[in-house]
Amino acid sequence: MKQVKAHIAVSLDGFIATPDNELDWITSNVKSLLGKEHETATCLLMGANTYTYIFEHWGGWPYKSQQSFVVSHYDHNVTPDCGVEFLTNGALQKVYEMKQETDMLVAGSGKLLTSLIKAGLLDSLTVYTVPVMLGKGIGFLGETFGSEWKLSESKVLDGGVVCSTYQFDKNL
């Protein structure tokens, strides 16, 4: 079975975006690291809000060379010729099936991360904790009680950003 991994920037007070979905608080070195992860992934998985943000803010779809899947209740695909597929019915089952043969990287999407964790589908979570307080915004994760993780790596990057990677502990 392959891996579902996530790399995500989080403010010190637990937000992944401002209330108006902006990411300008993320440091340039973290943006560069996240960008490299997304560019080298063969398969991207994201929620509808992340998909819309990328398309609207980055001048089109930058990941045409990768398979991209959007988990959503509705199919609002504005990039059908760019390798983007919407998973609207039985999305988590489809992710489970894809995981049998394909490594996937989750791009953003706090709600999607919560769903993947609850379903036991997320294997690795790398969190870039940026030392800034947003005060309010879009939360990192919802309720994920009972999910056990082990720290596999942690380091301090430029600007005081803490990068920590956790592995899902299937034995607990």
C-alpha atoms as a PDB file:
ATOM      1  CA  MET A   1       0.000   0.000   0.000  1.00  0.00           C
ATOM      2  CA  LYS A   2       1.247   3.478  -0.882  1.00  0.00           C
ATOM      3  CA  GLN A   3       1.285   6.604   1.306  1.00  0.00           C
ATOM      4  CA  VAL A   4      -0.950   9.649   1.717  1.00  0.00           C
ATOM      5  CA  LYS A   5       1.164  12.517   3.023  1.00  0.00           C
ATOM      6  CA  ALA A   6       0.484  16.141   3.853  1.00  0.00           C
ATOM      7  CA  HIS A   7       2.709  19.198   4.206  1.00  0.00           C
ATOM      8  CA  ILE A   8       0.960  22.252   5.584  1.00  0.00           C
ATOM      9  CA  ALA A   9       1.793  25.659   7.067  1.00  0.00           C
ATOM     10  CA  VAL A  10       0.041  26.534  10.321  1.00  0.00           C
ATOM     11  CA  SER A  11       0.124  29.761  12.307  1.00  0.00           C
ATOM     12  CA  LEU A  12       1.222  29.592  15.926  1.00  0.00           C
ATOM     13  CA  ASP A  13      -2.413  29.926  16.979  1.00  0.00           C
ATOM     14  CA  GLY A  14      -3.605  27.076  14.746  1.00  0.00           C
ATOM     15  CA  PHE A  15      -4.852  28.595  11.489  1.00  0.00           C
ATOM     16  CA  ILE A  16      -3.995  27.626   7.893  1.00  0.00           C
ATOM     17  CA  ALA A  17      -5.370  30.808   6.290  1.00  0.00           C
ATOM     18  CA  THR A  18      -6.800  34.179   7.237  1.00  0.00           C
ATOM     19  CA  PRO A  19     -10.613  34.602   7.363  1.00  0.00           C
ATOM     20  CA  ASP A  20     -10.519  35.792   3.729  1.00  0.00           C
ATOM     21  CA  ASN A  21      -8.441  32.740   2.640  1.00  0.00           C
ATOM     22  CA  GLU A  22      -5.175  34.641   2.290  1.00  0.00           C
ATOM     23  CA  LEU A  23      -1.769  33.030   2.770  1.00  0.00           C
ATOM     24  CA  ASP A  24       0.442  36.126   2.766  1.00  0.00           C
ATOM     25  CA  TRP A  25       1.519  35.413   6.374  1.00  0.00           C
ATOM     26  CA  ILE A  26       3.443  32.290   5.276  1.00  0.00           C
ATOM     27  CA  THR A  27       7.169  32.993   5.034  1.00  0.00           C
ATOM     28  CA  SER A  28       8.884  32.778   1.648  1.00  0.00           C
ATOM     29  CA  ASN A  29      11.087  29.856   2.703  1.00  0.00           C
ATOM     30  CA  VAL A  30       8.018  27.831   3.766  1.00  0.00           C
ATOM     31  CA  LYS A  31       6.202  28.720   0.531  1.00  0.00           C
ATOM     32  CA  SER A  32       9.256  27.518  -1.390  1.00  0.00           C
ATOM     33  CA  LEU A  33       9.430  24.233   0.543  1.00  0.00           C
ATOM     34  CA  LEU A  34       5.697  23.595   0.080  1.00  0.00           C
ATOM     35  CA  GLY A  35       5.985  24.458  -3.613  1.00  0.00           C
ATOM     36  CA  LYS A  36       8.778  21.921  -4.096  1.00  0.00           C
ATOM     37  CA  GLU A  37       6.695  19.206  -2.425  1.00  0.00           C
ATOM     38  CA  HIS A  38       3.726  19.973  -4.683  1.00  0.00           C
ATOM     39  CA  GLU A  39       5.853  20.131  -7.840  1.00  0.00           C
ATOM     40  CA  THR A  40       7.524  16.771  -7.207  1.00  0.00           C
ATOM     41  CA  ALA A  41       4.371  14.884  -6.201  1.00  0.00           C
ATOM     42  CA  THR A  42       2.911  12.601  -8.836  1.00  0.00           C
ATOM     43  CA  CYS A  43      -0.606  12.850  -7.415  1.00  0.00           C
ATOM     44  CA  LEU A  44      -2.193  15.764  -5.540  1.00  0.00           C
ATOM     45  CA  LEU A  45      -5.282  15.555  -3.358  1.00  0.00           C
ATOM     46  CA  MET A  46      -7.123  18.660  -2.157  1.00  0.00           C
ATOM     47  CA  GLY A  47     -10.436  20.102  -1.071  1.00  0.00           C
ATOM     48  CA  ALA A  48     -12.550  22.426  -3.182  1.00  0.00           C
ATOM     49  CA  ASN A  49     -11.472  25.589  -1.341  1.00  0.00           C
ATOM     50  CA  THR A  50      -7.788  24.882  -1.978  1.00  0.00           C
ATOM     51  CA  TYR A  51      -8.493  24.056  -5.617  1.00  0.00           C
ATOM     52  CA  THR A  52     -10.411  27.315  -6.087  1.00  0.00           C
ATOM     53  CA  TYR A  53      -7.726  29.346  -4.301  1.00  0.00           C
ATOM     54  CA  ILE A  54      -4.937  27.901  -6.464  1.00  0.00           C
ATOM     55  CA  PHE A  55      -6.837  28.484  -9.700  1.00  0.00           C
ATOM     56  CA  GLU A  56      -7.920  32.049  -8.812  1.00  0.00           C
ATOM     57  CA  HIS A  57      -4.669  33.268  -7.227  1.00  0.00           C
ATOM     58  CA  TRP A  58      -2.026  31.559  -9.331  1.00  0.00           C
ATOM     59  CA  GLY A  59      -3.336  32.475 -12.787  1.00  0.00           C
ATOM     60  CA  GLY A  60      -4.633  29.097 -13.863  1.00  0.00           C
ATOM     61  CA  TRP A  61      -3.705  25.549 -12.982  1.00  0.00           C
ATOM     62  CA  PRO A  62       0.031  25.118 -12.272  1.00  0.00           C
ATOM     63  CA  TYR A  63       0.005  21.315 -11.781  1.00  0.00           C
ATOM     64  CA  LYS A  64      -0.815  20.126 -15.282  1.00  0.00           C
ATOM     65  CA  SER A  65       1.850  17.405 -15.158  1.00  0.00           C
ATOM     66  CA  GLN A  66       0.380  15.778 -12.047  1.00  0.00           C
ATOM     67  CA  GLN A  67      -2.821  13.903 -11.449  1.00  0.00           C
ATOM     68  CA  SER A  68      -4.945  16.127  -9.230  1.00  0.00           C
ATOM     69  CA  PHE A  69      -8.040  15.057  -7.325  1.00  0.00           C
ATOM     70  CA  VAL A  70     -10.462  17.429  -5.618  1.00  0.00           C
ATOM     71  CA  VAL A  71     -12.660  16.056  -2.842  1.00  0.00           C
ATOM     72  CA  SER A  72     -15.907  18.004  -2.910  1.00  0.00           C
ATOM     73  CA  HIS A  73     -19.666  17.715  -2.601  1.00  0.00           C
ATOM     74  CA  TYR A  74     -20.020  19.379  -6.012  1.00  0.00           C
ATOM     75  CA  ASP A  75     -18.162  19.139  -9.312  1.00  0.00           C
ATOM     76  CA  HIS A  76     -17.049  22.687 -10.132  1.00  0.00           C
ATOM     77  CA  ASN A  77     -14.122  21.703 -12.333  1.00  0.00           C
ATOM     78  CA  VAL A  78     -12.936  24.728 -14.283  1.00  0.00           C
ATOM     79  CA  THR A  79      -9.750  22.931 -15.365  1.00  0.00           C
ATOM     80  CA  PRO A  80     -11.028  19.681 -16.986  1.00  0.00           C
ATOM     81  CA  ASP A  81      -8.207  19.636 -19.549  1.00  0.00           C
ATOM     82  CA  CYS A  82      -5.502  19.920 -16.895  1.00  0.00           C
ATOM     83  CA  GLY A  83      -5.651  16.476 -15.301  1.00  0.00           C
ATOM     84  CA  VAL A  84      -8.021  17.515 -12.495  1.00  0.00           C
ATOM     85  CA  GLU A  85     -10.739  15.106 -11.424  1.00  0.00           C
ATOM     86  CA  PHE A  86     -13.432  15.806  -8.856  1.00  0.00           C
ATOM     87  CA  LEU A  87     -14.290  13.075  -6.348  1.00  0.00           C
ATOM     88  CA  THR A  88     -17.865  13.783  -5.327  1.00  0.00           C
ATOM     89  CA  ASN A  89     -19.402  10.428  -4.392  1.00  0.00           C
ATOM     90  CA  GLY A  90     -17.608   7.946  -2.158  1.00  0.00           C
ATOM     91  CA  ALA A  91     -14.506  10.136  -2.145  1.00  0.00           C
ATOM     92  CA  LEU A  92     -12.776   8.495   0.818  1.00  0.00           C
ATOM     93  CA  GLN A  93     -13.370   5.049  -0.660  1.00  0.00           C
ATOM     94  CA  LYS A  94     -11.841   6.273  -3.913  1.00  0.00           C
ATOM     95  CA  VAL A  95      -8.815   7.627  -1.981  1.00  0.00           C
ATOM     96  CA  TYR A  96      -8.458   4.232  -0.277  1.00  0.00           C
ATOM     97  CA  GLU A  97      -8.559   2.492  -3.661  1.00  0.00           C
ATOM     98  CA  MET A  98      -6.036   4.898  -5.203  1.00  0.00           C
ATOM     99  CA  LYS A  99      -3.761   4.424  -2.181  1.00  0.00           C
ATOM    100  CA  GLN A 100      -3.322   0.787  -3.195  1.00  0.00           C
ATOM    101  CA  GLU A 101      -1.228   1.913  -6.180  1.00  0.00           C
ATOM    102  CA  THR A 102      -0.430   5.628  -5.890  1.00  0.00           C
ATOM    103  CA  ASP A 103       1.345   7.881  -3.413  1.00  0.00           C
ATOM    104  CA  MET A 104      -0.643  11.067  -2.817  1.00  0.00           C
ATOM    105  CA  LEU A 105       0.192  14.470  -1.372  1.00  0.00           C
ATOM    106  CA  VAL A 106      -2.554  16.513   0.261  1.00  0.00           C
ATOM    107  CA  ALA A 107      -2.377  20.200  -0.645  1.00  0.00           C
ATOM    108  CA  GLY A 108      -3.836  22.453   2.066  1.00  0.00           C
ATOM    109  CA  SER A 109      -7.389  21.536   2.971  1.00  0.00           C
ATOM    110  CA  GLY A 110      -7.917  21.377   6.742  1.00  0.00           C
ATOM    111  CA  LYS A 111     -11.357  19.800   6.332  1.00  0.00           C
ATOM    112  CA  LEU A 112      -9.962  17.146   4.006  1.00  0.00           C
ATOM    113  CA  LEU A 113      -7.096  16.421   6.405  1.00  0.00           C
ATOM    114  CA  THR A 114      -9.614  15.937   9.217  1.00  0.00           C
ATOM    115  CA  SER A 115     -11.639  13.501   7.081  1.00  0.00           C
ATOM    116  CA  LEU A 116      -8.530  11.567   6.042  1.00  0.00           C
ATOM    117  CA  ILE A 117      -7.338  11.301   9.649  1.00  0.00           C
ATOM    118  CA  LYS A 118     -10.743  10.112  10.848  1.00  0.00           C
ATOM    119  CA  ALA A 119     -10.778   7.477   8.092  1.00  0.00           C
ATOM    120  CA  GLY A 120      -7.223   6.336   8.918  1.00  0.00           C
ATOM    121  CA  LEU A 121      -5.992   7.240   5.433  1.00  0.00           C
ATOM    122  CA  LEU A 122      -3.347   9.875   6.265  1.00  0.00           C
ATOM    123  CA  ASP A 123       0.062   8.294   6.868  1.00  0.00           C
ATOM    124  CA  SER A 124       2.347  11.278   7.354  1.00  0.00           C
ATOM    125  CA  LEU A 125       1.796  14.895   8.380  1.00  0.00           C
ATOM    126  CA  THR A 126       4.493  17.561   8.099  1.00  0.00           C
ATOM    127  CA  VAL A 127       3.561  20.784   9.867  1.00  0.00           C
ATOM    128  CA  TYR A 128       5.431  24.046   9.283  1.00  0.00           C
ATOM    129  CA  THR A 129       4.579  26.123  12.353  1.00  0.00           C
ATOM    130  CA  VAL A 130       5.087  29.757  11.382  1.00  0.00           C
ATOM    131  CA  PRO A 131       5.640  32.044  14.399  1.00  0.00           C
ATOM    132  CA  VAL A 132       2.795  34.431  13.679  1.00  0.00           C
ATOM    133  CA  MET A 133      -0.584  34.825  15.376  1.00  0.00           C
ATOM    134  CA  LEU A 134      -3.485  35.377  12.992  1.00  0.00           C
ATOM    135  CA  GLY A 135      -6.112  35.774  15.728  1.00  0.00           C
ATOM    136  CA  LYS A 136      -8.787  34.175  13.589  1.00  0.00           C
ATOM    137  CA  GLY A 137      -9.093  32.389  10.308  1.00  0.00           C
ATOM    138  CA  ILE A 138      -9.500  28.931   8.844  1.00  0.00           C
ATOM    139  CA  GLY A 139      -8.646  26.294  11.426  1.00  0.00           C
ATOM    140  CA  PHE A 140      -6.009  23.643  10.915  1.00  0.00           C
ATOM    141  CA  LEU A 141      -7.976  20.536  11.946  1.00  0.00           C
ATOM    142  CA  GLY A 142     -11.411  19.605  13.212  1.00  0.00           C
ATOM    143  CA  GLU A 143     -12.159  16.899  15.771  1.00  0.00           C
ATOM    144  CA  THR A 144      -9.776  13.984  15.398  1.00  0.00           C
ATOM    145  CA  PHE A 145      -9.945  12.408  18.865  1.00  0.00           C
ATOM    146  CA  GLY A 146      -8.184   9.087  19.328  1.00  0.00           C
ATOM    147  CA  SER A 147      -5.761   9.527  16.453  1.00  0.00           C
ATOM    148  CA  GLU A 148      -2.234   8.638  17.653  1.00  0.00           C
ATOM    149  CA  TRP A 149       0.870   9.993  15.933  1.00  0.00           C
ATOM    150  CA  LYS A 150       4.622   9.643  16.458  1.00  0.00           C
ATOM    151  CA  LEU A 151       7.098  12.445  15.871  1.00  0.00           C
ATOM    152  CA  SER A 152       9.663  11.245  13.330  1.00  0.00           C
ATOM    153  CA  GLU A 153      11.545  14.500  12.718  1.00  0.00           C
ATOM    154  CA  SER A 154      11.617  18.077  13.963  1.00  0.00           C
ATOM    155  CA  LYS A 155      13.868  20.987  13.086  1.00  0.00           C
ATOM    156  CA  VAL A 156      13.952  24.755  13.299  1.00  0.00           C
ATOM    157  CA  LEU A 157      14.144  26.569   9.963  1.00  0.00           C
ATOM    158  CA  ASP A 158      15.048  30.170   9.160  1.00  0.00           C
ATOM    159  CA  GLY A 159      12.804  32.726  10.820  1.00  0.00           C
ATOM    160  CA  GLY A 160      11.955  30.434  13.737  1.00  0.00           C
ATOM    161  CA  VAL A 161       9.657  28.177  11.706  1.00  0.00           C
ATOM    162  CA  VAL A 162       9.400  24.742  13.299  1.00  0.00           C
ATOM    163  CA  CYS A 163       9.061  21.865  10.827  1.00  0.00           C
ATOM    164  CA  SER A 164       7.744  18.684  12.442  1.00  0.00           C
ATOM    165  CA  THR A 165       6.883  15.438  10.698  1.00  0.00           C
ATOM    166  CA  TYR A 166       4.536  12.942  12.318  1.00  0.00           C
ATOM    167  CA  GLN A 167       3.732   9.387  11.280  1.00  0.00           C
ATOM    168  CA  PHE A 168       0.353   7.807  11.965  1.00  0.00           C
ATOM    169  CA  ASP A 169       0.819   5.084  14.548  1.00  0.00           C
ATOM    170  CA  LYS A 170      -1.249   2.164  13.290  1.00  0.00           C
ATOM    171  CA  ASN A 171      -0.172   0.077  16.310  1.00  0.00           C
ATOM    172  CA  LEU A 172      -1.959   2.176  18.924  1.00  0.00           C
END
